[in-house]
Amino acid sequence: MMHVSGHKTQKTFMDCIKPASEEITNEMKLADELEAQVPL
């Protein structure tokens, strides 16, 4: 995967990946909170 993205070290690759995974986690939390607010 690093070869395709052009990253030379694992650190630079992980620095690029981490913000994306944190954003996905935040979006999942928000969706869960919104779902909890919907009355059944």
Protein backbone atom coordinates (compact mmCIF):
# COMPACT_ATOMS: atom_id res chain seq x y z
CA MET A 1 0.00 0.00 0.00
CA MET A 2 2.85 2.40 0.81
CA HIS A 3 4.39 1.78 -2.59
CA VAL A 4 1.15 2.74 -4.33
CA SER A 5 0.63 5.88 -2.22
CA GLY A 6 4.26 6.97 -2.63
CA HIS A 7 5.17 7.01 1.07
CA LYS A 8 8.77 6.06 1.76
CA THR A 9 8.51 5.27 5.48
CA GLN A 10 5.87 3.64 7.63
CA LYS A 11 5.77 6.74 9.87
CA THR A 12 4.78 9.07 7.02
CA PHE A 13 2.21 6.54 5.85
CA MET A 14 0.69 6.22 9.33
CA ASP A 15 0.71 10.01 9.79
CA CYS A 16 -1.42 10.22 6.64
CA ILE A 17 -3.76 7.36 7.58
CA LYS A 18 -4.39 8.33 11.23
CA PRO A 19 -6.43 11.52 10.61
CA ALA A 20 -8.68 9.63 8.21
CA SER A 21 -9.40 6.87 10.70
CA GLU A 22 -10.07 9.41 13.46
CA GLU A 23 -12.51 11.24 11.18
CA ILE A 24 -14.37 8.00 10.44
CA THR A 25 -14.57 7.24 14.17
CA ASN A 26 -15.98 10.69 14.89
CA GLU A 27 -18.58 10.34 12.13
CA MET A 28 -19.65 6.95 13.49
CA LYS A 29 -20.05 8.40 16.99
CA LEU A 30 -22.13 11.27 15.63
CA ALA A 31 -24.36 8.90 13.65
CA ASP A 32 -24.86 6.76 16.76
CA GLU A 33 -25.80 9.83 18.83
CA LEU A 34 -28.27 11.00 16.19
CA GLU A 35 -29.82 7.54 15.97
CA ALA A 36 -30.24 7.47 19.75
CA GLN A 37 -32.26 10.71 19.53
CA VAL A 38 -34.79 9.29 17.06
CA PRO A 39 -37.89 8.03 18.90
CA LEU A 40 -38.96 4.52 18.04
